[in-house]
């Protein structure tokens, strides 16, 4: 089975002769846009049964594979894009969102080996889709999952790709009929490895399998976000039902044993032991029945997790996900991601099933990374593991937030107290982005951000949001204060509480790295502050509760795998985008 691509993901192609097949509940006409090299050589559409450009063959019919010979594609052609349109007819679907399960595009070599596949999740009222593209990069061919839908239909899609006379070309694509089922259209069987045409029912989409993005929402991102939330709630409620059944079985056993002991004539002897064993057997049967029901539910959730995790966009994916290799800095026109991932959650009954912990954007509460606990590990306490990992965790979260915003969309301010060397090492990758501002002390930073919030609030109340001093800087601001409360006096504490309450509405957010025990000198005045922050831990801890049944969930922090250079990769992309943005503004 080939690699399952997610939207935006790309990978190199090691074969040059390919077959591209579309799997769907209805036959979908497919075509290929062959990019041109300039105004005198515009893009052109290749449709089934029409003239075949060099290197591309589209047999007549809506269910026949597209054959591509990349070695025969002219050297100047930069890209081939595979398009899908809706079939014609009274029973044809009116949009891609009505096709269940979602269509899938798979790429095979001529020997029948699947190289990659891409399922078109998240489509709604679109009537045409750019599914995937084959493109050149540094002399080598690569494949990218696109999945861009067009509600305005094929004409609009072809116009955006620069195809001349898009209306006429769209008519040719729509005119592709239903699949030809005549005997002459059935290819003869060949000996050797099975080809895609020979694949049987096991290769067809299975409607009983979980599907990524199978939740309500207008976009795939929103559907995946809601699906993760649904998995979290499902697991919470199913574990609650299991625990309730186990408690009921134990309570019933206790009641039966109490009844046995209440009878003076039956407290001893063989009859008493037999009654006791029957009661325990009933308890065990109820417990086993509850566990069997839970295991059945958990298998479904585990299967759903297996398809959802690879489909998550980079903001919601773990650092180990390959989707980060395709990260690009959002443009000003792009929407900010709905959420960023800040860790994983699991329960003791099924520790291997991890639910992503997603934090909605923009932030509406401050973050507190607790550096004060080493969770019973004397070795960790002596080596300061939690403080070092807290700094690494803060740097990773700050970089995720930076990555979710366009250039100048977020600036990170760092006030490092205490172990400055540890903090400096952890935040090293962020230094190259140009979005990190290091301050000497927390008090000065808090005063400056308090001024910013005051001015923004006054401008908003006056109805002049653009009338702000130029020194404030654009976009949102993240304050990362390490070693709190060192270097902080009573006035700074009041400013911090003010920023936590009023800052998010003015685009100012706070992240603290703090040991609550270090703040004892302030007394109970800081108790409301701790309660207003979302507490995260650099080491696993079961301190988070869900809002439905109140389970104690184990939180697993989001850390970069050992040896990974993903932070440097993302930071380099941010730095390049920031440099290009600066050069564009200065006109160089």
Protein backbone atom coordinates (compact mmCIF):
# COMPACT_ATOMS: atom_id res chain seq x y z
CA UNK A 1 0.00 0.00 0.00
CA UNK A 2 1.30 3.41 -0.92
CA UNK A 3 1.82 6.43 1.27
CA UNK A 4 -1.42 8.08 2.46
CA UNK A 5 -0.97 11.76 1.65
CA UNK A 6 -2.75 14.60 3.41
CA UNK A 7 -3.63 17.92 1.85
CA UNK A 8 -0.50 19.91 1.02
CA UNK A 9 1.88 17.00 1.59
CA UNK A 10 4.38 16.10 -1.12
CA UNK A 11 6.90 13.37 -1.74
CA UNK A 12 9.43 12.45 -4.43
CA UNK A 13 8.54 10.10 -7.28
CA UNK A 14 10.97 7.27 -7.91
CA UNK A 15 9.17 5.96 -11.04
CA UNK A 16 8.55 7.74 -14.32
CA UNK A 17 5.74 5.59 -15.83
CA UNK A 18 2.59 5.98 -13.77
CA UNK A 19 -1.11 5.17 -13.73
CA UNK A 20 -3.44 7.53 -11.87
CA UNK A 21 -6.75 6.01 -10.82
CA UNK A 22 -9.81 7.61 -9.25
CA UNK A 23 -11.87 5.51 -6.83
CA UNK A 24 -15.34 6.86 -6.07
CA UNK A 25 -18.92 5.74 -5.57
CA UNK A 26 -19.78 7.31 -8.94
CA UNK A 27 -17.66 7.58 -12.10
CA UNK A 28 -15.87 10.94 -12.04
CA UNK A 29 -14.56 12.53 -15.24
CA UNK A 30 -10.86 13.33 -14.88
CA UNK A 31 -8.57 15.56 -16.91
CA UNK A 32 -5.04 16.91 -16.77
CA UNK A 33 -3.85 20.50 -17.06
CA UNK A 34 -0.42 20.66 -18.66
CA UNK A 35 1.27 23.88 -17.59
CA UNK A 36 2.77 26.04 -20.29
CA UNK A 37 6.08 27.85 -20.31
CA UNK A 38 4.89 31.40 -20.95
CA UNK A 39 2.43 33.64 -22.80
CA UNK A 40 3.20 32.02 -26.14
CA UNK A 41 2.80 28.55 -24.62
CA UNK A 42 -0.21 28.71 -22.29
CA UNK A 43 -1.58 25.89 -20.16
CA UNK A 44 -3.75 23.37 -22.00
CA UNK A 45 -6.34 20.82 -20.99
CA UNK A 46 -6.07 17.14 -21.82
CA UNK A 47 -9.42 15.34 -21.46
CA UNK A 48 -10.46 11.69 -21.90
CA UNK A 49 -10.56 10.79 -25.55
CA UNK A 50 -9.13 14.14 -26.64
CA UNK A 51 -5.74 15.02 -28.15
CA UNK A 52 -2.98 13.59 -25.97
CA UNK A 53 -0.03 15.84 -25.13
CA UNK A 54 3.42 14.30 -24.95
CA UNK A 55 3.73 11.99 -21.98
CA UNK A 56 0.01 11.93 -21.05
CA UNK A 57 -2.67 9.46 -22.20
CA UNK A 58 -6.33 9.79 -21.15
CA UNK A 59 -8.44 6.93 -22.57
CA UNK A 60 -12.09 7.67 -23.31
CA UNK A 61 -14.43 7.00 -20.35
CA UNK A 62 -14.76 8.35 -16.86
CA UNK A 63 -13.35 5.33 -15.02
CA UNK A 64 -10.21 4.64 -17.07
CA UNK A 65 -6.76 5.32 -15.58
CA UNK A 66 -4.66 8.27 -16.63
CA UNK A 67 -1.30 7.09 -17.95
CA UNK A 68 1.69 9.39 -17.51
CA UNK A 69 5.23 8.90 -18.80
CA UNK A 70 7.23 11.59 -17.05
CA UNK A 71 10.30 10.85 -19.16
CA UNK A 72 8.31 11.83 -22.27
CA UNK A 73 6.94 15.10 -20.85
CA UNK A 74 8.68 18.06 -22.55
CA UNK A 75 11.56 19.44 -20.52
CA UNK A 76 9.98 22.88 -20.19
CA UNK A 77 6.74 21.62 -18.64
CA UNK A 78 6.81 22.44 -14.91
CA UNK A 79 3.61 20.79 -13.72
CA UNK A 80 0.75 18.40 -14.48
CA UNK A 81 -2.46 18.85 -12.47
CA UNK A 82 -5.14 16.17 -12.22
CA UNK A 83 -8.69 17.58 -12.17
CA UNK A 84 -11.99 15.95 -11.28
CA UNK A 85 -15.50 17.05 -12.24
CA UNK A 86 -19.00 15.76 -11.51
CA UNK A 87 -20.66 13.37 -13.95
CA UNK A 88 -23.75 14.34 -15.92
CA UNK A 89 -27.17 12.74 -15.61
CA UNK A 90 -30.33 12.92 -13.53
CA UNK A 91 -28.95 10.65 -10.83
CA UNK A 92 -25.56 12.35 -10.67
CA UNK A 93 -24.55 14.03 -7.38
CA UNK A 94 -24.87 17.80 -7.29
CA UNK A 95 -21.64 18.37 -5.34
CA UNK A 96 -18.58 16.49 -4.18
CA UNK A 97 -19.83 16.74 -0.61
CA UNK A 98 -22.67 14.34 -1.52
CA UNK A 99 -20.29 11.59 -2.62
CA UNK A 100 -19.88 9.04 0.17
CA UNK A 101 -17.29 7.83 0.95
CA UNK A 102 -15.04 10.65 -0.30
CA UNK A 103 -13.26 10.02 -3.62
CA UNK A 104 -9.70 8.77 -3.57
CA UNK A 105 -6.94 9.30 -6.11
CA UNK A 106 -4.17 6.69 -6.20
CA UNK A 107 -0.88 6.64 -8.12
CA UNK A 108 0.55 3.31 -9.28
CA UNK A 109 3.54 2.27 -11.30
CA UNK A 110 2.94 0.20 -14.42
CA UNK A 111 3.66 -2.99 -12.48
CA UNK A 112 0.67 -2.42 -10.21
CA UNK A 113 2.52 -1.20 -7.11
CA UNK A 114 0.73 1.64 -5.37
CA UNK A 115 3.05 4.58 -4.72
CA UNK A 116 0.70 7.09 -3.06
CA UNK A 117 -2.95 7.76 -2.40
CA UNK A 118 -4.95 10.83 -1.43
CA UNK A 119 -8.51 10.85 -0.09
CA UNK A 120 -10.45 14.04 -0.85
CA UNK A 121 -11.85 14.78 2.61
CA UNK A 122 -13.61 17.98 3.55
CA UNK A 123 -15.42 18.77 0.31
CA UNK A 124 -18.89 20.33 0.49
CA UNK A 125 -20.62 22.21 -2.34
CA UNK A 126 -17.68 22.05 -4.77
CA UNK A 127 -18.43 20.82 -8.30
CA UNK A 128 -14.83 20.61 -9.52
CA UNK A 129 -11.59 19.71 -7.73
CA UNK A 130 -7.88 20.00 -8.41
CA UNK A 131 -6.92 16.66 -6.85
CA UNK A 132 -3.16 16.34 -7.10
CA UNK A 133 -0.23 17.56 -9.12
CA UNK A 134 3.03 16.19 -10.48
CA UNK A 135 5.69 18.89 -10.54
CA UNK A 136 9.41 19.36 -11.08
CA UNK A 137 11.67 20.38 -8.22
CA UNK A 138 15.39 20.78 -8.85
CA UNK A 139 15.21 18.52 -11.87
CA UNK A 140 13.28 15.72 -10.14
CA UNK A 141 9.56 14.93 -10.22
CA UNK A 142 7.45 15.08 -7.07
CA UNK A 143 3.78 14.52 -6.25
CA UNK A 144 1.66 16.86 -4.12
CA UNK A 145 -1.83 16.33 -2.68
CA UNK A 146 -3.86 19.46 -3.53
CA UNK A 147 -7.58 18.85 -2.86
CA UNK A 148 -8.62 22.38 -3.86
CA UNK A 149 -12.34 22.50 -4.63
CA UNK A 150 -14.29 25.03 -6.72
CA UNK A 151 -17.95 25.68 -6.04
CA UNK A 152 -18.16 27.77 -9.26
CA UNK A 153 -17.40 24.69 -11.36
CA UNK A 154 -14.80 23.59 -13.91
CA UNK A 155 -14.75 26.88 -15.80
CA UNK A 156 -13.57 28.83 -12.78
CA UNK A 157 -10.99 26.18 -11.99
CA UNK A 158 -9.58 26.24 -15.51
CA UNK A 159 -9.48 30.04 -15.51
CA UNK A 160 -7.33 30.04 -12.39
CA UNK A 161 -4.93 27.60 -14.02
CA UNK A 162 -4.63 29.82 -17.08
CA UNK A 163 -6.32 27.56 -19.63
CA UNK A 164 -7.46 29.63 -22.67
CA UNK A 165 -11.16 29.57 -23.59
CA UNK A 166 -11.99 28.06 -20.18
CA UNK A 167 -15.74 27.84 -20.92
CA UNK A 168 -15.21 25.65 -23.97
CA UNK A 169 -12.62 23.52 -22.18
CA UNK A 170 -14.99 23.05 -19.24
CA UNK A 171 -17.68 21.87 -21.65
CA UNK A 172 -15.33 19.23 -22.98
CA UNK A 173 -14.68 17.99 -19.45
CA UNK A 174 -18.38 17.92 -18.55
CA UNK A 175 -19.15 16.04 -21.75
CA UNK A 176 -17.13 13.03 -20.65
CA UNK A 177 -19.81 10.33 -20.40
CA UNK A 178 -20.42 7.45 -18.10
CA UNK A 179 -17.93 4.58 -18.14
CA UNK A 180 -17.98 2.40 -21.23
CA UNK A 181 -19.03 -1.10 -20.20
CA UNK A 182 -19.02 -2.64 -23.66
CA UNK A 183 -16.98 -5.83 -24.09
CA UNK A 184 -14.46 -4.00 -26.24
CA UNK A 185 -13.74 -1.65 -23.37
CA UNK A 186 -12.73 -4.43 -20.98
CA UNK A 187 -8.93 -4.80 -21.07
CA UNK A 188 -7.50 -8.27 -21.49
CA UNK A 189 -5.85 -9.84 -18.46
CA UNK A 190 -2.10 -9.86 -18.43
CA UNK A 191 0.23 -12.27 -16.76
CA UNK A 192 2.61 -11.08 -14.07
CA UNK A 193 1.92 -8.77 -11.12
CA UNK A 194 -1.68 -7.61 -10.70
CA UNK A 195 -2.37 -4.24 -12.25
CA UNK A 196 -4.67 -1.60 -10.75
CA UNK A 197 -7.37 -2.69 -13.20
CA UNK A 198 -7.25 -6.17 -11.72
CA UNK A 199 -7.74 -5.05 -8.15
CA UNK A 200 -10.91 -6.48 -6.70
CA UNK A 201 -13.46 -5.56 -4.08
CA UNK A 202 -10.84 -5.40 -1.33
CA UNK A 203 -9.45 -2.23 -2.95
CA UNK A 204 -12.80 -0.44 -3.02
CA UNK A 205 -13.63 2.09 -0.32
CA UNK A 206 -15.07 0.46 2.78
CA UNK A 207 -17.94 2.57 4.14
CA UNK A 208 -17.59 0.91 7.55
CA UNK A 209 -14.04 2.20 8.04
CA UNK A 210 -13.52 5.46 9.94
CA UNK A 211 -12.89 8.49 7.78
CA UNK A 212 -10.77 11.48 8.70
CA UNK A 213 -12.85 14.66 8.71
CA UNK A 214 -16.10 12.79 9.41
CA UNK A 215 -17.59 15.56 11.54
CA UNK A 216 -19.58 18.73 11.09
CA UNK A 217 -17.82 21.78 9.72
CA UNK A 218 -17.37 23.93 6.64
CA UNK A 219 -13.71 23.08 6.04
CA UNK A 220 -11.58 19.99 6.51
CA UNK A 221 -9.66 21.75 9.28
CA UNK A 222 -12.88 22.48 11.15
CA UNK A 223 -14.11 18.94 10.64
CA UNK A 224 -10.88 17.43 11.93
CA UNK A 225 -10.92 19.79 14.91
CA UNK A 226 -14.48 18.76 15.75
CA UNK A 227 -13.67 15.11 15.16
CA UNK A 228 -10.80 15.24 17.67
CA UNK A 229 -13.15 16.87 20.17
CA UNK A 230 -15.71 14.14 19.53
CA UNK A 231 -13.09 11.43 20.11
CA UNK A 232 -12.13 13.09 23.39
CA UNK A 233 -15.76 13.18 24.55
CA UNK A 234 -16.44 9.64 23.34
CA UNK A 235 -13.48 8.24 25.25
CA UNK A 236 -14.43 10.17 28.38
CA UNK A 237 -18.00 8.92 28.36
CA UNK A 238 -17.14 5.33 27.50
CA UNK A 239 -14.55 5.11 30.26
CA UNK A 240 -17.12 6.64 32.62
CA UNK A 241 -19.64 3.97 31.63
CA UNK A 242 -17.07 1.24 32.21
CA UNK A 243 -16.05 2.60 35.58
CA UNK A 244 -19.70 2.96 36.56
CA UNK A 245 -20.37 -0.66 35.62
CA UNK A 246 -17.36 -1.86 37.62
CA UNK A 247 -18.42 0.20 40.63
CA UNK A 248 -21.95 -1.18 40.37
CA UNK A 249 -20.63 -4.75 40.23
CA UNK A 250 -18.45 -4.15 43.29
CA UNK A 251 -21.28 -2.44 45.19
CA UNK A 252 -23.57 -5.36 44.40
CA UNK A 253 -20.95 -7.80 45.68
CA UNK A 254 -20.52 -5.78 48.87
CA UNK A 255 -24.29 -5.75 49.44
CA UNK A 256 -24.56 -9.51 48.93
CA UNK A 257 -21.66 -10.17 51.28
CA UNK A 258 -23.21 -7.88 53.90
CA UNK A 259 -26.45 -9.84 53.59
CA UNK A 260 -24.56 -13.09 54.11
CA UNK A 261 -22.85 -11.78 57.21
CA UNK A 262 -26.13 -10.44 58.57
CA UNK A 263 -27.49 -13.99 58.78
CA UNK A 264 -25.99 -15.57 61.93
CA UNK A 265 -26.81 -19.08 60.72
CA UNK A 266 -24.91 -18.75 57.45
CA UNK A 267 -21.69 -16.99 58.38
CA UNK A 268 -19.56 -20.14 58.19
CA UNK A 269 -19.53 -23.50 56.54
CA UNK A 270 -19.68 -24.81 53.00
CA UNK A 271 -22.98 -23.08 52.19
CA UNK A 272 -21.50 -19.70 53.13
CA UNK A 273 -18.42 -20.25 50.97
CA UNK A 274 -20.54 -21.37 48.02
CA UNK A 275 -22.77 -18.28 48.30
CA UNK A 276 -19.70 -16.07 48.55
CA UNK A 277 -18.19 -17.63 45.43
CA UNK A 278 -21.46 -17.21 43.49
CA UNK A 279 -21.57 -13.53 44.46
CA UNK A 280 -17.99 -13.02 43.37
CA UNK A 281 -18.68 -14.86 40.10
CA UNK A 282 -21.59 -12.52 39.40
CA UNK A 283 -19.32 -9.54 40.09
CA UNK A 284 -16.65 -10.95 37.76
CA UNK A 285 -19.21 -11.64 35.03
CA UNK A 286 -20.52 -8.08 35.17
CA UNK A 287 -16.98 -6.70 35.13
CA UNK A 288 -15.97 -8.88 32.19
CA UNK A 289 -19.09 -7.86 30.29
CA UNK A 290 -18.31 -4.19 30.89
CA UNK A 291 -14.70 -4.66 29.79
CA UNK A 292 -15.77 -6.49 26.62
CA UNK A 293 -18.12 -3.61 25.72
CA UNK A 294 -15.33 -1.12 26.44
CA UNK A 295 -12.81 -3.03 24.34
CA UNK A 296 -15.26 -3.04 21.43
CA UNK A 297 -15.67 0.72 21.69
CA UNK A 298 -11.94 1.26 22.09
CA UNK A 299 -11.18 -0.67 18.92
CA UNK A 300 -13.43 1.73 17.02
CA UNK A 301 -11.75 4.76 18.58
CA UNK A 302 -8.29 3.35 17.91
CA UNK A 303 -9.20 2.79 14.26
CA UNK A 304 -10.51 6.34 14.04
CA UNK A 305 -7.34 7.68 15.63
CA UNK A 306 -5.23 5.82 13.07
CA UNK A 307 -6.89 7.65 10.18
CA UNK A 308 -7.31 11.03 11.89
CA UNK A 309 -3.74 11.43 13.14
CA UNK A 310 -2.05 11.35 9.69
CA UNK A 311 -4.70 13.70 8.27
CA UNK A 312 -4.18 16.47 10.84
CA UNK A 313 -2.77 19.73 9.45
CA UNK A 314 0.61 20.82 10.73
CA UNK A 315 -0.80 23.09 13.45
CA UNK A 316 -2.64 20.12 15.00
CA UNK A 317 0.01 17.49 14.25
CA UNK A 318 2.84 16.27 16.45
CA UNK A 319 6.39 17.39 15.79
CA UNK A 320 7.16 13.93 14.39
CA UNK A 321 4.52 14.24 11.65
CA UNK A 322 5.85 14.44 8.06
CA UNK A 323 3.31 17.18 7.33
CA UNK A 324 5.79 19.66 8.88
CA UNK A 325 8.12 19.07 5.94
CA UNK A 326 5.56 20.83 3.75
CA UNK A 327 5.08 23.77 6.12
CA UNK A 328 4.90 27.21 4.58
CA UNK A 329 4.44 30.52 6.33
CA UNK A 330 0.80 31.66 6.07
CA UNK A 331 0.17 34.72 3.95
CA UNK A 332 -1.79 37.69 5.18
CA UNK A 333 -4.80 36.42 3.20
CA UNK A 334 -4.68 32.99 4.86
CA UNK A 335 -6.90 32.29 7.83
CA UNK A 336 -5.17 31.64 11.14
CA UNK A 337 -5.37 27.94 12.07
CA UNK A 338 -8.29 27.08 14.31
CA UNK A 339 -6.06 25.53 16.95
CA UNK A 340 -2.55 24.39 17.77
CA UNK A 341 -1.60 21.14 19.42
CA UNK A 342 -0.04 21.48 22.86
CA UNK A 343 0.18 17.83 23.92
CA UNK A 344 -1.66 14.53 24.18
CA UNK A 345 -4.16 13.14 26.70
CA UNK A 346 -4.85 9.57 27.77
CA UNK A 347 -6.58 7.57 30.51
CA UNK A 348 -5.15 4.64 32.52
CA UNK A 349 -7.55 2.06 31.06
CA UNK A 350 -6.07 2.56 27.59
CA UNK A 351 -2.75 4.46 27.83
CA UNK A 352 -1.82 3.69 24.22
CA UNK A 353 -4.80 5.65 22.85
CA UNK A 354 -3.69 9.28 22.79
CA UNK A 355 -6.11 12.12 22.05
CA UNK A 356 -4.50 15.33 20.72
CA UNK A 357 -4.93 18.28 23.09
CA UNK A 358 -5.82 21.25 20.88
CA UNK A 359 -5.74 24.85 22.01
CA UNK A 360 -8.10 27.16 20.07
CA UNK A 361 -6.70 30.32 18.49
CA UNK A 362 -6.51 33.14 19.24
CA UNK A 363 -5.56 32.37 22.84
CA UNK A 364 -8.10 33.49 25.39
CA UNK A 365 -6.17 32.43 28.51
CA UNK A 366 -2.59 32.48 29.69
CA UNK A 367 -0.35 29.42 29.77
CA UNK A 368 1.55 28.25 32.84
CA UNK A 369 4.30 25.67 32.42
CA UNK A 370 4.85 24.36 35.93
CA UNK A 371 8.57 23.99 36.68
CA UNK A 372 8.07 23.20 40.34
CA UNK A 373 7.43 19.45 40.24
CA UNK A 374 9.62 16.53 39.28
CA UNK A 375 6.79 14.11 39.99
CA UNK A 376 8.42 11.90 42.56
CA UNK A 377 11.74 11.49 40.75
CA UNK A 378 14.68 12.36 43.00
CA UNK A 379 17.08 12.06 40.07
CA UNK A 380 14.98 14.47 38.04
CA UNK A 381 14.89 16.92 40.93
CA UNK A 382 18.66 16.86 41.32
CA UNK A 383 19.32 17.33 37.61
CA UNK A 384 16.61 19.94 37.02
CA UNK A 385 14.98 17.88 34.28
CA UNK A 386 11.62 19.59 34.63
CA UNK A 387 13.11 23.09 34.32
CA UNK A 388 15.12 22.17 31.24
CA UNK A 389 12.21 20.42 29.60
CA UNK A 390 9.93 23.32 30.55
CA UNK A 391 12.19 25.70 28.61
CA UNK A 392 12.23 23.34 25.61
CA UNK A 393 8.47 22.95 25.81
CA UNK A 394 7.95 26.73 25.96
CA UNK A 395 10.20 27.26 22.95
CA UNK A 396 8.29 24.63 20.97
CA UNK A 397 4.90 26.14 21.83
CA UNK A 398 6.13 29.64 21.01
CA UNK A 399 7.41 28.45 17.63
CA UNK A 400 4.07 26.73 16.91
CA UNK A 401 2.26 29.97 17.62
CA UNK A 402 4.69 31.88 15.41
CA UNK A 403 4.20 29.34 12.63
CA UNK A 404 0.43 29.79 12.81
CA UNK A 405 0.64 33.52 12.05
CA UNK A 406 1.75 35.38 8.92
CA UNK A 407 4.92 37.46 8.92
CA UNK A 408 4.61 40.21 11.55
CA UNK A 409 1.47 38.48 12.82
CA UNK A 410 3.08 37.55 16.15
CA UNK A 411 6.12 38.75 18.06
CA UNK A 412 7.60 36.79 20.97
CA UNK A 413 9.07 38.69 23.92
CA UNK A 414 11.34 36.72 26.25
CA UNK A 415 12.21 37.72 29.79
CA UNK A 416 14.63 35.11 31.13
CA UNK A 417 15.45 35.00 34.84
CA UNK A 418 17.10 32.26 36.83
CA UNK A 419 18.88 29.72 34.62
CA UNK A 420 19.41 31.96 31.59
CA UNK A 421 21.74 29.52 29.84
CA UNK A 422 19.07 26.80 29.78
CA UNK A 423 16.47 29.22 28.43
CA UNK A 424 18.86 30.68 25.85
CA UNK A 425 19.73 27.22 24.52
CA UNK A 426 16.07 26.20 24.29
CA UNK A 427 15.01 29.38 22.49
CA UNK A 428 18.03 29.37 20.16
CA UNK A 429 16.09 28.25 17.06
CA UNK A 430 13.62 31.12 17.50
CA UNK A 431 16.43 33.68 17.33
CA UNK A 432 16.85 33.27 13.58
CA UNK A 433 13.19 34.04 12.88
CA UNK A 434 13.54 37.73 13.65
CA UNK A 435 10.34 37.54 15.67
CA UNK A 436 12.03 37.07 19.06
CA UNK A 437 12.64 40.08 21.28
CA UNK A 438 14.70 39.44 24.41
CA UNK A 439 14.24 41.78 27.33
CA UNK A 440 16.55 42.10 30.30
CA UNK A 441 13.89 41.94 32.98
CA UNK A 442 10.28 40.94 33.35
CA UNK A 443 9.26 44.21 35.03
CA UNK A 444 10.16 46.30 31.96
CA UNK A 445 8.38 43.95 29.62
CA UNK A 446 5.23 43.91 31.73
CA UNK A 447 5.19 47.71 31.87
CA UNK A 448 5.61 47.99 28.10
CA UNK A 449 2.86 45.47 27.36
CA UNK A 450 0.53 47.11 29.88
CA UNK A 451 1.01 50.38 28.00
CA UNK A 452 0.22 48.63 24.75
CA UNK A 453 -3.01 47.14 26.08
CA UNK A 454 -4.07 50.52 27.48
CA UNK A 455 -3.48 52.27 24.16
CA UNK A 456 -5.21 49.56 22.12
CA UNK A 457 -8.25 49.69 24.39
CA UNK A 458 -8.43 53.48 24.12
CA UNK A 459 -8.14 53.31 20.32
CA UNK A 460 -10.89 50.70 20.12
CA UNK A 461 -13.20 52.68 22.37
CA UNK A 462 -12.57 55.76 20.25
CA UNK A 463 -13.36 53.88 17.06
CA UNK A 464 -9.86 54.44 15.66
CA UNK A 465 -8.06 51.09 15.81
CA UNK A 466 -5.37 52.27 13.38
CA UNK A 467 -4.45 55.35 15.41
CA UNK A 468 -1.68 53.67 17.40
CA UNK A 469 1.93 54.77 17.88
CA UNK A 470 4.27 53.10 15.36
CA UNK A 471 6.58 51.86 18.12
CA UNK A 472 3.97 49.38 19.34
CA UNK A 473 4.59 47.04 16.42
CA UNK A 474 2.00 45.16 14.36
CA UNK A 475 0.13 41.98 15.09
CA UNK A 476 -0.17 40.03 18.32
CA UNK A 477 2.43 39.66 21.05
CA UNK A 478 3.40 36.70 23.23
CA UNK A 479 5.16 37.33 26.53
CA UNK A 480 7.26 34.43 27.73
CA UNK A 481 8.38 35.02 31.31
CA UNK A 482 10.74 32.40 32.71
CA UNK A 483 11.80 32.09 36.33
CA UNK A 484 8.70 33.89 37.59
CA UNK A 485 8.51 35.59 40.13
CA UNK A 486 12.23 36.47 40.22
CA UNK A 487 12.70 40.11 39.29
CA UNK A 488 9.00 40.88 39.78
CA UNK A 489 7.65 43.28 42.42
CA UNK A 490 4.12 44.00 43.61
CA UNK A 491 3.48 46.48 40.81
CA UNK A 492 4.61 44.02 38.16
CA UNK A 493 2.34 41.34 39.66
CA UNK A 494 -0.64 43.68 39.34
CA UNK A 495 0.34 44.39 35.72
CA UNK A 496 0.57 40.68 35.04
CA UNK A 497 -2.93 40.06 36.41
CA UNK A 498 -4.19 42.96 34.30
CA UNK A 499 -2.60 41.51 31.16
CA UNK A 500 -4.11 38.09 31.81
CA UNK A 501 -7.57 39.64 32.08
CA UNK A 502 -7.44 42.31 29.38
CA UNK A 503 -4.51 41.32 27.17
CA UNK A 504 -6.10 38.71 24.88
CA UNK A 505 -8.70 41.17 23.56
CA UNK A 506 -5.86 43.59 22.75
CA UNK A 507 -3.63 40.94 21.15
CA UNK A 508 -1.30 40.36 24.11
CA UNK A 509 -0.84 36.84 25.51
CA UNK A 510 1.23 35.48 28.39
CA UNK A 511 3.19 32.29 28.96
CA UNK A 512 4.75 31.74 32.40
CA UNK A 513 7.43 29.27 33.40
CA UNK A 514 7.01 29.24 37.15
CA UNK A 515 7.26 27.25 40.36
CA UNK A 516 4.31 28.13 42.55
CA UNK A 517 6.37 27.51 45.66
CA UNK A 518 8.75 30.31 44.65
CA UNK A 519 5.85 32.80 44.88
CA UNK A 520 4.97 32.10 48.50
CA UNK A 521 6.28 35.51 49.54
CA UNK A 522 3.32 37.10 47.76
CA UNK A 523 0.87 35.12 49.88
CA UNK A 524 -2.66 34.41 48.69
CA UNK A 525 -2.68 37.46 46.39
CA UNK A 526 -1.47 35.23 43.52
CA UNK A 527 -4.08 32.50 43.99
CA UNK A 528 -6.45 34.03 41.40
CA UNK A 529 -3.53 34.25 38.98
CA UNK A 530 -2.78 30.53 39.11
CA UNK A 531 -6.45 29.67 38.70
CA UNK A 532 -6.73 31.86 35.59
CA UNK A 533 -3.89 30.07 33.79
CA UNK A 534 -3.96 26.80 31.85
CA UNK A 535 -1.45 24.66 33.74
CA UNK A 536 0.82 22.46 31.64
CA UNK A 537 3.64 20.24 32.86
CA UNK A 538 6.98 19.43 31.19
CA UNK A 539 6.69 15.84 32.43
CA UNK A 540 3.58 13.61 32.27
CA UNK A 541 1.02 14.36 34.98
CA UNK A 542 -2.66 13.56 35.57
CA UNK A 543 -3.84 17.03 36.55
CA UNK A 544 -6.36 17.82 33.79
CA UNK A 545 -10.10 17.04 34.03
CA UNK A 546 -12.70 16.91 31.29
CA UNK A 547 -15.90 18.97 31.62
CA UNK A 548 -18.29 16.02 31.26
CA UNK A 549 -17.42 13.44 33.90
CA UNK A 550 -14.30 14.90 35.52
CA UNK A 551 -11.77 12.17 34.70
CA UNK A 552 -8.17 12.83 35.70
CA UNK A 553 -6.47 12.77 32.30
CA UNK A 554 -2.74 12.21 31.98
CA UNK A 555 -1.19 15.06 30.05
CA UNK A 556 1.80 14.23 27.84
CA UNK A 557 3.78 17.33 26.86
CA UNK A 558 4.55 18.00 23.23
CA UNK A 559 8.30 17.63 22.83
CA UNK A 560 10.52 17.42 19.77
CA UNK A 561 11.86 13.89 19.11
CA UNK A 562 15.54 13.40 19.91
CA UNK A 563 17.72 14.24 16.94
CA UNK A 564 14.93 15.98 15.03
CA UNK A 565 15.68 19.27 13.28
CA UNK A 566 12.05 20.23 12.79
CA UNK A 567 12.34 23.38 14.93
CA UNK A 568 15.28 24.60 12.88
CA UNK A 569 13.38 23.78 9.66
CA UNK A 570 10.31 25.75 10.68
CA UNK A 571 12.39 28.61 12.08
CA UNK A 572 14.38 28.83 8.83
CA UNK A 573 11.14 29.06 6.85
CA UNK A 574 9.91 31.86 9.11
CA UNK A 575 13.22 33.70 8.77
CA UNK A 576 13.19 33.47 4.97
CA UNK A 577 9.60 34.69 4.79
CA UNK A 578 10.38 37.57 7.14
CA UNK A 579 13.40 38.60 5.07
CA UNK A 580 11.39 38.49 1.84
CA UNK A 581 8.63 40.50 3.49
CA UNK A 582 11.11 43.14 4.63
CA UNK A 583 12.71 43.40 1.22
CA UNK A 584 9.28 43.74 -0.37
CA UNK A 585 8.35 46.61 1.95
CA UNK A 586 11.57 48.49 1.25
CA UNK A 587 11.25 47.94 -2.51
CA UNK A 588 14.56 46.12 -2.89
